[in-house]
Amino acid sequence: MSNNPPAAGILDEIKSLTKHGTIYSAGGILGKAAGFLMIPLYTHYLSPADYGTLELLDLSVALFGLAVMMWMNAAIIRYYYEYEDQKNRNEVISTVLIAACVVGLLSAAGGIFFGRQLSSLILKTPIYYKYFWLLSITFFFSTINSVAFSYLRAKQRSGLVSTLGVIAMVISLSLNVFFIVVMKSGVIGILYSGLISMAISAMVLTGMTVWEVKLGFSFEKLGALVRFGAPLVITSLAAFALNFSDRFFLQKFTNVSTVGIYALGYKFGFMLSFLLVQPFDMIWSARMYEIAKRPNGADLFSRIFRYYSLALVAIALGLSLVIKDVIGVIASPAFRDAYKIVPIIALAYVFQGSFRFMVGGIYIEKKTFSIGMISAVSLAMNLFLNFILIPRYAGFGAAWATALSFLFMAGLAYFLSEKVHPVSYQLGAFGVSLIVASALYWGAEKISVSSLVLSVVLKLLIFMSFPVVLYLVGFFRKNEVKKAKETAQSLWATLRWRAAALPE
């Protein structure tokens, strides 16, 4: 492979992926920020029991949703790009939308019919059966809403997806305030809020989708979609268990306080996924099918991974450097030790981001059974590591079990993807960036100053030295260095011109 492929193709792709990924990320950040701001409201008007009830309901619906809807979302995007003509593409969307309506209606009917039994199973009492009635109807709207959103993602309309997501969030939070503060309805008020906002979103989006694609149905396409998506149900359930099983092991082998400290640290480490992995995946899961059809598709895959993995490592390093000071400011002394596991969890999501990229070749070749196998084997490994490491090392053991499991997943994805869709990823460059970042983090941990401001400044300087050290060890290629210099000179010239144009 040439060390100096044409720059235009890779630069255009990087710009496109960055633009769409930034839009998705901005929408997600707004949602998370708004949710964070609502915490004081929830904790003031809801009792701990109410809050725990909502958590159990959310977790149950999320788990059921993964089992029911995951195959649809991934299959839509894959088979949308299976066809070149718009007629077949529209039939794919319409087929899944009709199937989603049927699945959603059956699920809602089951939830309503077995409401008392579900309440007894999950909440230990049948008296909350109305909660499950509301959740069941909400789930129906959520199912068709998910298909409509996947259609917009397939069309790479990131701005519209994020805008609609923010509007839905504003409606939902406004209704929450109304039902909790004004009506003082508690848990059932939040459920009504979710139902109303989801129904509005689903009706608007479904109407838009039907208007564009019209209604049509193909049993042949549905069969292909189900065969492609069914193994991904295993993947989703395994990922869910892989991310949350360690809490149960910690509760079993340690105590609730350890679980709380670990959960706080995990949330900060998970920011890497929230800030980069998920937004990038939302656009990449659609874009990769177009890139794979190009004559230089494999080369573009390799080079995009080079820059993507560098971004993963850079953000993980920055997060790891400042997290001790951040938690020291915002958390009580009882939670201060949470910072110790953040770098390990951030590393875990570097590996998870790599897995999600490398598994693309398997999606492209429609070998989704392999993805289910990777997930099942990795889950078994994670449970084994949790059992071995957590009794001895508590939160550290849980964090390393997560990191090693994601590394194992990424390794399996690389091995199996290269067999069906060879790319020749630049793993050496990935390894160099990890080693340099680890060395800088180790050095930063040796620095101890009493001033918070000085500590933050020193760590920011260490973070800014990351690309310099990479340059010194020969990480960057000559054409990359040349392009970076040209870009810097162009920006400097633009800034000077704008400064000169300002009135004195």
Protein backbone atom coordinates (compact mmCIF):
# COMPACT_ATOMS: atom_id res chain seq x y z
CA MET A 1 0.00 0.00 0.00
CA SER A 2 1.32 3.42 -0.90
CA ASN A 3 2.38 5.69 1.94
CA ASN A 4 1.11 8.73 0.06
CA PRO A 5 -2.34 8.07 -1.39
CA PRO A 6 -4.30 10.95 -2.86
CA ALA A 7 -5.13 13.36 -0.05
CA ALA A 8 -8.41 14.65 -1.45
CA GLY A 9 -10.40 11.46 -0.82
CA ILE A 10 -9.33 11.00 2.79
CA LEU A 11 -9.65 14.72 3.61
CA ASP A 12 -13.14 14.87 2.16
CA GLU A 13 -14.18 11.84 4.19
CA ILE A 14 -12.62 13.18 7.39
CA LYS A 15 -14.42 16.51 6.90
CA SER A 16 -17.74 14.77 6.22
CA LEU A 17 -17.44 12.39 9.17
CA THR A 18 -16.33 15.23 11.45
CA LYS A 19 -19.23 17.43 10.39
CA HIS A 20 -21.93 14.80 10.86
CA GLY A 21 -20.31 13.39 14.01
CA THR A 22 -20.10 16.87 15.56
CA ILE A 23 -23.78 17.48 14.82
CA TYR A 24 -24.79 14.18 16.42
CA SER A 25 -22.50 14.86 19.37
CA ALA A 26 -23.89 18.37 19.89
CA GLY A 27 -27.44 17.03 19.98
CA GLY A 28 -26.44 14.36 22.49
CA ILE A 29 -24.55 16.84 24.68
CA LEU A 30 -27.60 19.11 24.85
CA GLY A 31 -29.74 16.15 25.89
CA LYS A 32 -27.30 15.02 28.56
CA ALA A 33 -26.84 18.55 29.88
CA ALA A 34 -30.59 19.06 30.13
CA GLY A 35 -31.00 15.72 31.87
CA PHE A 36 -28.25 16.67 34.32
CA LEU A 37 -29.98 19.96 35.11
CA MET A 38 -33.20 18.07 35.86
CA ILE A 39 -31.61 15.94 38.58
CA PRO A 40 -32.26 18.48 41.39
CA LEU A 41 -35.91 18.66 40.31
CA TYR A 42 -36.32 14.88 40.27
CA THR A 43 -34.60 14.40 43.63
CA HIS A 44 -36.69 17.17 45.22
CA TYR A 45 -40.10 15.98 44.05
CA LEU A 46 -39.47 12.22 43.93
CA SER A 47 -38.62 9.97 46.84
CA PRO A 48 -35.66 7.57 46.62
CA ALA A 49 -38.18 4.77 46.16
CA ASP A 50 -39.78 6.62 43.24
CA TYR A 51 -36.38 7.21 41.68
CA GLY A 52 -35.47 3.56 42.11
CA THR A 53 -38.77 2.52 40.54
CA LEU A 54 -38.09 4.69 37.49
CA GLU A 55 -34.59 3.21 37.19
CA LEU A 56 -35.97 -0.34 37.20
CA LEU A 57 -38.65 0.57 34.65
CA ASP A 58 -36.13 2.26 32.35
CA LEU A 59 -33.74 -0.67 32.61
CA SER A 60 -36.49 -3.19 31.86
CA VAL A 61 -37.78 -1.28 28.83
CA ALA A 62 -34.23 -0.75 27.53
CA LEU A 63 -33.48 -4.46 27.77
CA PHE A 64 -36.75 -5.42 26.03
CA GLY A 65 -36.16 -2.76 23.38
CA LEU A 66 -32.73 -4.15 22.57
CA ALA A 67 -34.22 -7.59 22.03
CA VAL A 68 -37.07 -6.33 19.85
CA MET A 69 -35.72 -3.35 17.90
CA MET A 70 -31.98 -3.82 17.42
CA TRP A 71 -32.32 -6.01 14.33
CA MET A 72 -34.47 -3.36 12.64
CA ASN A 73 -32.15 -0.39 13.09
CA ALA A 74 -28.97 -2.07 11.85
CA ALA A 75 -30.75 -3.89 9.02
CA ILE A 76 -32.38 -0.71 7.72
CA ILE A 77 -29.06 1.04 7.17
CA ARG A 78 -27.35 -2.03 5.69
CA TYR A 79 -30.09 -2.84 3.18
CA TYR A 80 -30.78 0.78 2.33
CA TYR A 81 -27.31 0.79 0.76
CA GLU A 82 -27.78 -2.65 -0.76
CA TYR A 83 -29.73 -1.02 -3.59
CA GLU A 84 -28.81 1.82 -5.92
CA ASP A 85 -32.33 2.77 -7.03
CA GLN A 86 -34.64 4.77 -4.77
CA LYS A 87 -37.65 2.51 -5.38
CA ASN A 88 -36.02 -0.50 -3.71
CA ARG A 89 -34.60 1.67 -0.97
CA ASN A 90 -38.05 3.04 -0.21
CA GLU A 91 -39.47 -0.48 -0.14
CA VAL A 92 -36.86 -1.48 2.47
CA ILE A 93 -37.94 1.38 4.74
CA SER A 94 -41.65 0.77 4.23
CA THR A 95 -41.28 -2.97 4.85
CA VAL A 96 -39.50 -2.42 8.16
CA LEU A 97 -41.96 0.30 9.19
CA ILE A 98 -44.93 -2.03 8.66
CA ALA A 99 -43.11 -4.84 10.49
CA ALA A 100 -42.34 -2.41 13.34
CA CYS A 101 -46.03 -1.50 13.62
CA VAL A 102 -46.98 -5.16 13.93
CA VAL A 103 -44.20 -5.95 16.43
CA GLY A 104 -45.01 -2.81 18.42
CA LEU A 105 -48.72 -3.59 18.57
CA LEU A 106 -48.10 -7.17 19.69
CA SER A 107 -45.62 -6.01 22.33
CA ALA A 108 -48.03 -3.35 23.59
CA ALA A 109 -50.90 -5.83 23.76
CA GLY A 110 -48.72 -8.27 25.69
CA GLY A 111 -47.59 -5.56 28.12
CA ILE A 112 -51.17 -4.48 28.78
CA PHE A 113 -52.50 -8.03 29.12
CA PHE A 114 -49.69 -9.13 31.47
CA GLY A 115 -49.37 -5.79 33.29
CA ARG A 116 -50.06 -7.19 36.74
CA GLN A 117 -47.64 -10.09 36.26
CA LEU A 118 -44.91 -7.75 35.02
CA SER A 119 -45.46 -5.43 37.96
CA SER A 120 -45.15 -8.36 40.36
CA LEU A 121 -41.99 -9.62 38.64
CA ILE A 122 -40.12 -6.33 38.39
CA LEU A 123 -41.53 -4.19 41.22
CA LYS A 124 -42.48 -7.03 43.60
CA THR A 125 -46.14 -5.96 43.72
CA PRO A 126 -49.02 -6.06 41.20
CA ILE A 127 -50.40 -2.65 42.19
CA TYR A 128 -48.28 -0.76 39.63
CA TYR A 129 -49.81 -2.48 36.61
CA LYS A 130 -50.86 0.88 35.14
CA TYR A 131 -47.19 1.81 34.85
CA PHE A 132 -46.76 -1.10 32.46
CA TRP A 133 -49.85 -0.16 30.50
CA LEU A 134 -48.39 3.27 29.84
CA LEU A 135 -44.94 1.85 29.08
CA SER A 136 -46.46 -0.65 26.65
CA ILE A 137 -48.25 2.03 24.63
CA THR A 138 -45.09 4.19 24.72
CA PHE A 139 -43.10 1.23 23.44
CA PHE A 140 -45.36 0.95 20.39
CA PHE A 141 -44.68 4.57 19.43
CA SER A 142 -41.00 4.13 20.25
CA THR A 143 -40.75 1.18 17.84
CA ILE A 144 -42.03 3.05 14.80
CA ASN A 145 -40.18 6.20 15.87
CA SER A 146 -36.93 4.24 15.89
CA VAL A 147 -37.47 3.11 12.30
CA ALA A 148 -38.11 6.67 11.15
CA PHE A 149 -34.95 7.91 12.86
CA SER A 150 -32.91 5.08 11.29
CA TYR A 151 -34.25 6.14 7.89
CA LEU A 152 -32.97 9.67 8.47
CA ARG A 153 -29.60 8.29 9.59
CA ALA A 154 -29.42 6.15 6.45
CA LYS A 155 -29.96 9.32 4.40
CA GLN A 156 -27.20 10.99 6.47
CA ARG A 157 -29.49 13.84 7.53
CA SER A 158 -27.64 14.42 10.79
CA GLY A 159 -28.88 17.99 11.25
CA LEU A 160 -32.52 16.96 11.06
CA VAL A 161 -31.95 13.97 13.36
CA SER A 162 -30.30 16.13 16.02
CA THR A 163 -32.84 18.94 15.68
CA LEU A 164 -35.80 16.61 16.05
CA GLY A 165 -34.09 14.90 18.97
CA VAL A 166 -33.62 18.22 20.76
CA ILE A 167 -37.25 19.25 20.09
CA ALA A 168 -38.49 15.92 21.48
CA MET A 169 -36.27 16.38 24.52
CA VAL A 170 -37.61 19.89 25.17
CA ILE A 171 -41.20 18.63 24.94
CA SER A 172 -40.47 15.72 27.26
CA LEU A 173 -38.68 17.83 29.89
CA SER A 174 -41.39 20.50 29.78
CA LEU A 175 -44.06 17.86 30.36
CA ASN A 176 -41.97 16.40 33.18
CA VAL A 177 -41.91 19.78 34.91
CA PHE A 178 -45.68 20.14 34.41
CA PHE A 179 -46.57 16.69 35.73
CA ILE A 180 -44.04 16.66 38.59
CA VAL A 181 -44.16 20.24 39.83
CA VAL A 182 -47.65 21.45 38.86
CA MET A 183 -49.66 18.23 38.95
CA LYS A 184 -47.45 16.52 41.55
CA SER A 185 -48.11 13.21 39.80
CA GLY A 186 -44.81 11.51 40.69
CA VAL A 187 -43.73 8.45 38.71
CA ILE A 188 -46.94 8.10 36.70
CA GLY A 189 -46.62 11.74 35.63
CA ILE A 190 -43.18 11.04 34.16
CA LEU A 191 -44.62 8.03 32.34
CA TYR A 192 -47.43 10.16 30.91
CA SER A 193 -44.81 12.70 29.84
CA GLY A 194 -42.83 10.02 28.04
CA LEU A 195 -45.93 8.68 26.32
CA ILE A 196 -47.10 12.08 25.06
CA SER A 197 -43.67 13.22 23.80
CA MET A 198 -42.97 9.87 22.11
CA ALA A 199 -46.42 9.81 20.48
CA ILE A 200 -45.92 13.31 19.06
CA SER A 201 -42.46 12.46 17.75
CA ALA A 202 -43.59 9.15 16.27
CA MET A 203 -46.62 10.59 14.50
CA VAL A 204 -44.64 13.46 12.97
CA LEU A 205 -41.67 11.33 11.90
CA THR A 206 -43.80 8.44 10.65
CA GLY A 207 -45.93 10.85 8.62
CA MET A 208 -42.77 12.35 7.06
CA THR A 209 -41.36 8.89 6.33
CA VAL A 210 -44.56 7.55 4.72
CA TRP A 211 -44.86 10.75 2.65
CA GLU A 212 -41.36 10.20 1.24
CA VAL A 213 -41.22 6.42 0.77
CA LYS A 214 -44.94 5.57 0.32
CA LEU A 215 -46.29 2.27 1.59
CA GLY A 216 -45.10 -1.01 0.15
CA PHE A 217 -44.16 -4.42 1.49
CA SER A 218 -41.82 -7.20 0.39
CA PHE A 219 -41.66 -10.56 2.16
CA GLU A 220 -38.38 -11.25 0.35
CA LYS A 221 -36.79 -8.10 1.74
CA LEU A 222 -38.24 -8.74 5.20
CA GLY A 223 -36.67 -12.22 5.21
CA ALA A 224 -33.28 -10.79 4.26
CA LEU A 225 -33.58 -8.07 6.90
CA VAL A 226 -34.47 -10.58 9.63
CA ARG A 227 -31.61 -12.93 8.67
CA PHE A 228 -29.20 -10.02 8.80
CA GLY A 229 -30.50 -8.49 12.02
CA ALA A 230 -31.44 -11.51 14.17
CA PRO A 231 -27.85 -12.33 15.30
CA LEU A 232 -27.46 -8.70 16.38
CA VAL A 233 -30.04 -9.27 19.13
CA ILE A 234 -27.44 -11.48 20.83
CA THR A 235 -24.90 -8.69 20.31
CA SER A 236 -27.14 -6.11 21.96
CA LEU A 237 -28.04 -8.28 24.93
CA ALA A 238 -24.39 -9.27 25.41
CA ALA A 239 -23.28 -5.63 25.26
CA PHE A 240 -25.94 -4.72 27.81
CA ALA A 241 -24.77 -7.45 30.18
CA LEU A 242 -21.10 -6.67 29.56
CA ASN A 243 -21.63 -3.06 30.58
CA PHE A 244 -23.79 -3.68 33.66
CA SER A 245 -22.93 -7.14 35.05
CA ASP A 246 -19.93 -5.82 37.02
CA ARG A 247 -22.26 -3.85 39.32
CA PHE A 248 -23.90 -7.08 40.46
CA PHE A 249 -20.51 -8.73 41.05
CA LEU A 250 -19.35 -5.70 43.04
CA GLN A 251 -22.51 -5.80 45.15
CA LYS A 252 -21.99 -9.52 45.74
CA PHE A 253 -18.29 -9.43 46.64
CA THR A 254 -17.87 -5.92 48.14
CA ASN A 255 -20.47 -3.43 49.37
CA VAL A 256 -22.90 -0.79 48.13
CA SER A 257 -20.43 2.05 48.75
CA THR A 258 -17.92 0.45 46.41
CA VAL A 259 -20.64 0.13 43.79
CA GLY A 260 -21.46 3.83 44.15
CA ILE A 261 -17.84 4.96 43.81
CA TYR A 262 -17.33 2.66 40.83
CA ALA A 263 -20.55 3.87 39.17
CA LEU A 264 -19.43 7.50 39.44
CA GLY A 265 -16.02 6.74 37.95
CA TYR A 266 -17.62 4.66 35.20
CA LYS A 267 -19.88 7.56 34.20
CA PHE A 268 -16.87 9.79 33.64
CA GLY A 269 -14.97 7.10 31.74
CA PHE A 270 -18.07 6.48 29.63
CA MET A 271 -17.85 10.09 28.41
CA LEU A 272 -15.43 8.89 25.72
CA SER A 273 -18.21 6.77 24.25
CA PHE A 274 -20.72 9.58 24.60
CA LEU A 275 -18.47 12.29 23.12
CA LEU A 276 -16.88 10.37 20.24
CA VAL A 277 -17.77 6.68 19.81
CA GLN A 278 -21.55 7.03 19.61
CA PRO A 279 -21.68 10.19 17.41
CA PHE A 280 -19.06 8.76 15.05
CA ASP A 281 -20.86 5.43 14.89
CA MET A 282 -24.15 7.11 13.97
CA ILE A 283 -22.68 8.50 10.76
CA TRP A 284 -20.06 5.81 10.10
CA SER A 285 -22.66 3.00 10.22
CA ALA A 286 -24.24 4.58 7.13
CA ARG A 287 -21.16 6.05 5.45
CA MET A 288 -19.05 2.88 5.47
CA TYR A 289 -21.27 1.12 2.93
CA GLU A 290 -20.71 3.87 0.37
CA ILE A 291 -16.96 3.97 1.02
CA ALA A 292 -16.67 0.17 0.71
CA LYS A 293 -17.92 0.36 -2.90
CA ARG A 294 -15.08 2.64 -3.99
CA PRO A 295 -11.94 1.25 -5.67
CA ASN A 296 -9.80 2.67 -2.84
CA GLY A 297 -12.32 1.76 -0.15
CA ALA A 298 -9.95 -0.44 1.85
CA ASP A 299 -7.29 2.26 1.89
CA LEU A 300 -9.83 4.85 3.07
CA PHE A 301 -10.98 2.48 5.82
CA SER A 302 -7.40 2.06 7.03
CA ARG A 303 -6.58 5.76 7.00
CA ILE A 304 -9.86 6.82 8.63
CA PHE A 305 -9.23 4.29 11.41
CA ARG A 306 -5.76 5.78 11.89
CA TYR A 307 -7.21 9.23 12.60
CA TYR A 308 -10.24 7.92 14.49
CA SER A 309 -8.12 5.81 16.84
CA LEU A 310 -5.80 8.78 17.39
CA ALA A 311 -8.83 10.88 18.39
CA LEU A 312 -9.99 8.12 20.75
CA VAL A 313 -6.62 7.94 22.48
CA ALA A 314 -6.27 11.74 22.66
CA ILE A 315 -9.67 12.25 24.31
CA ALA A 316 -9.03 9.35 26.71
CA LEU A 317 -5.68 10.93 27.68
CA GLY A 318 -7.21 14.38 28.23
CA LEU A 319 -10.02 12.93 30.33
CA SER A 320 -7.60 10.84 32.40
CA LEU A 321 -5.30 13.80 33.07
CA VAL A 322 -7.91 16.18 34.47
CA ILE A 323 -10.35 13.79 36.11
CA LYS A 324 -8.69 13.80 39.54
CA ASP A 325 -9.03 17.57 39.80
CA VAL A 326 -12.57 17.52 38.38
CA ILE A 327 -13.86 14.92 40.84
CA GLY A 328 -12.00 16.68 43.65
CA VAL A 329 -14.04 19.81 42.94
CA ILE A 330 -17.52 18.42 42.21
CA ALA A 331 -17.70 15.33 44.45
CA SER A 332 -17.72 14.89 48.21
CA PRO A 333 -14.61 13.37 49.85
CA ALA A 334 -16.33 9.99 50.04
CA PHE A 335 -16.28 9.78 46.22
CA ARG A 336 -12.77 11.11 45.59
CA ASP A 337 -11.27 7.67 44.83
CA ALA A 338 -13.58 7.32 41.82
CA TYR A 339 -10.97 9.09 39.66
CA LYS A 340 -8.63 6.09 39.91
CA ILE A 341 -10.75 3.87 37.67
CA VAL A 342 -11.58 6.53 35.06
CA PRO A 343 -8.40 5.99 32.95
CA ILE A 344 -9.07 2.25 32.84
CA ILE A 345 -12.69 2.72 31.76
CA ALA A 346 -11.59 5.32 29.19
CA LEU A 347 -9.11 2.76 27.85
CA ALA A 348 -11.95 0.22 27.71
CA TYR A 349 -13.93 2.57 25.47
CA VAL A 350 -10.90 3.17 23.26
CA PHE A 351 -11.00 -0.59 22.61
CA GLN A 352 -14.79 -0.56 22.28
CA GLY A 353 -14.60 2.23 19.72
CA SER A 354 -11.99 0.24 17.81
CA PHE A 355 -14.26 -2.81 17.88
CA ARG A 356 -17.21 -0.86 16.50
CA PHE A 357 -15.06 0.38 13.63
CA MET A 358 -13.38 -2.94 12.78
CA VAL A 359 -16.63 -4.88 12.86
CA GLY A 360 -17.75 -2.81 9.87
CA GLY A 361 -16.27 -5.31 7.42
CA ILE A 362 -18.50 -8.04 8.86
CA TYR A 363 -21.57 -5.83 8.48
CA ILE A 364 -20.63 -5.04 4.89
CA GLU A 365 -20.32 -8.73 4.02
CA LYS A 366 -23.56 -9.55 5.91
CA LYS A 367 -21.84 -12.03 8.25
CA THR A 368 -23.74 -10.87 11.31
CA PHE A 369 -23.70 -14.36 12.84
CA SER A 370 -20.00 -13.74 13.47
CA ILE A 371 -20.86 -10.56 15.40
CA GLY A 372 -23.25 -12.52 17.61
CA MET A 373 -20.52 -15.10 18.23
CA ILE A 374 -17.97 -12.38 19.11
CA SER A 375 -20.40 -10.83 21.58
CA ALA A 376 -21.34 -14.12 23.23
CA VAL A 377 -17.72 -15.24 23.66
CA SER A 378 -16.66 -11.81 24.93
CA LEU A 379 -19.52 -11.77 27.45
CA ALA A 380 -18.43 -15.19 28.76
CA MET A 381 -14.89 -13.85 29.13
CA ASN A 382 -16.14 -10.74 30.91
CA LEU A 383 -18.16 -12.76 33.42
CA PHE A 384 -15.13 -14.97 34.07
CA LEU A 385 -12.85 -11.94 34.58
CA ASN A 386 -15.41 -10.31 36.88
CA PHE A 387 -15.54 -13.49 38.95
CA ILE A 388 -11.74 -13.70 39.16
CA LEU A 389 -10.73 -10.04 39.53
CA ILE A 390 -13.50 -8.34 41.52
CA PRO A 391 -13.17 -10.41 44.74
CA ARG A 392 -9.44 -9.51 44.85
CA TYR A 393 -9.31 -5.99 43.41
CA ALA A 394 -12.89 -4.65 43.79
CA GLY A 395 -13.47 -1.63 41.52
CA PHE A 396 -10.07 -1.93 39.86
CA GLY A 397 -10.87 -5.53 39.05
CA ALA A 398 -14.22 -4.56 37.53
CA ALA A 399 -12.61 -1.80 35.45
CA TRP A 400 -9.84 -4.07 34.11
CA ALA A 401 -12.36 -6.83 33.40
CA THR A 402 -14.26 -4.34 31.22
CA ALA A 403 -11.11 -3.08 29.46
CA LEU A 404 -9.75 -6.58 28.75
CA SER A 405 -13.15 -7.76 27.51
CA PHE A 406 -13.42 -4.89 25.03
CA LEU A 407 -9.83 -5.51 23.90
CA PHE A 408 -10.74 -9.15 23.33
CA MET A 409 -13.82 -8.08 21.34
CA ALA A 410 -11.74 -5.74 19.19
CA GLY A 411 -9.16 -8.47 18.55
CA LEU A 412 -11.83 -10.98 17.47
CA ALA A 413 -13.49 -8.36 15.26
CA TYR A 414 -10.18 -7.57 13.59
CA PHE A 415 -9.37 -11.24 12.98
CA LEU A 416 -12.80 -12.18 11.57
CA SER A 417 -13.31 -8.95 9.62
CA GLU A 418 -9.95 -9.28 7.88
CA LYS A 419 -10.97 -12.74 6.68
CA VAL A 420 -14.10 -11.53 4.90
CA HIS A 421 -13.26 -7.88 4.14
CA PRO A 422 -9.47 -7.24 4.22
CA VAL A 423 -8.43 -3.71 5.14
CA SER A 424 -4.93 -3.95 6.71
CA TYR A 425 -5.53 -1.63 9.62
CA GLN A 426 -2.51 0.32 10.87
CA LEU A 427 -2.36 -1.30 14.28
CA GLY A 428 1.27 -0.28 14.76
CA ALA A 429 0.34 3.40 14.71
CA PHE A 430 -2.55 2.67 17.11
CA GLY A 431 -0.13 0.94 19.49
CA VAL A 432 2.37 3.83 19.34
CA SER A 433 -0.34 6.37 20.24
CA LEU A 434 -1.42 4.21 23.20
CA ILE A 435 2.15 3.85 24.48
CA VAL A 436 2.88 7.58 24.21
CA ALA A 437 -0.43 8.47 25.92
CA SER A 438 0.24 5.97 28.72
CA ALA A 439 3.75 7.37 29.28
CA LEU A 440 2.44 10.93 29.46
CA TYR A 441 -0.28 9.91 31.91
CA TRP A 442 2.25 8.06 34.08
CA GLY A 443 4.47 11.14 34.12
CA ALA A 444 1.57 13.41 35.02
CA GLU A 445 0.64 11.20 37.96
CA LYS A 446 4.13 11.74 39.39
CA ILE A 447 3.50 15.50 39.55
CA SER A 448 2.00 16.69 42.80
CA VAL A 449 1.19 20.37 43.39
CA SER A 450 -1.06 21.94 46.00
CA SER A 451 -2.58 24.57 43.70
CA LEU A 452 -5.60 23.39 41.71
CA VAL A 453 -5.02 26.01 39.00
CA LEU A 454 -1.35 25.08 38.63
CA SER A 455 -2.25 21.38 38.53
CA VAL A 456 -4.77 21.91 35.73
CA VAL A 457 -2.34 24.13 33.75
CA LEU A 458 0.47 21.57 34.00
CA LYS A 459 -1.79 18.75 32.89
CA LEU A 460 -3.10 20.78 29.95
CA LEU A 461 0.51 21.39 28.90
CA ILE A 462 1.17 17.66 29.12
CA PHE A 463 -1.90 17.01 27.00
CA MET A 464 -0.77 19.57 24.41
CA SER A 465 2.61 17.79 24.25
CA PHE A 466 0.89 14.60 23.02
CA PRO A 467 1.02 15.46 19.28
CA VAL A 468 4.56 16.87 19.73
CA VAL A 469 5.84 13.60 21.19
CA LEU A 470 4.06 11.65 18.45
CA TYR A 471 5.83 13.84 15.88
CA LEU A 472 9.20 13.25 17.55
CA VAL A 473 8.76 9.45 17.50
CA GLY A 474 7.85 9.54 13.80
CA PHE A 475 4.14 8.83 14.11
CA PHE A 476 3.08 11.33 11.45
CA ARG A 477 3.93 10.88 7.78
CA LYS A 478 5.63 13.52 5.67
CA ASN A 479 2.49 14.34 3.69
CA GLU A 480 0.49 14.65 6.95
CA VAL A 481 3.06 17.04 8.43
CA LYS A 482 3.13 19.06 5.21
CA LYS A 483 -0.67 19.29 5.12
CA ALA A 484 -0.79 20.31 8.80
CA LYS A 485 1.73 23.10 8.18
CA GLU A 486 -0.22 24.34 5.17
CA THR A 487 -3.45 24.34 7.17
CA ALA A 488 -1.81 26.18 10.08
CA GLN A 489 -0.34 28.79 7.73
CA SER A 490 -3.70 29.27 6.03
CA LEU A 491 -5.47 29.74 9.38
CA TRP A 492 -2.79 32.17 10.56
CA ALA A 493 -3.09 34.19 7.36
CA THR A 494 -6.87 34.28 7.72
CA LEU A 495 -6.64 35.46 11.33
CA ARG A 496 -4.13 38.18 10.42
CA TRP A 497 -6.35 39.38 7.56
CA ARG A 498 -9.40 39.54 9.84
CA ALA A 499 -7.41 41.34 12.55
CA ALA A 500 -6.18 43.89 10.00
CA ALA A 501 -9.75 44.46 8.80
CA LEU A 502 -10.99 45.39 12.28
CA PRO A 503 -11.32 49.13 13.01
CA GLU A 504 -8.71 50.52 15.39
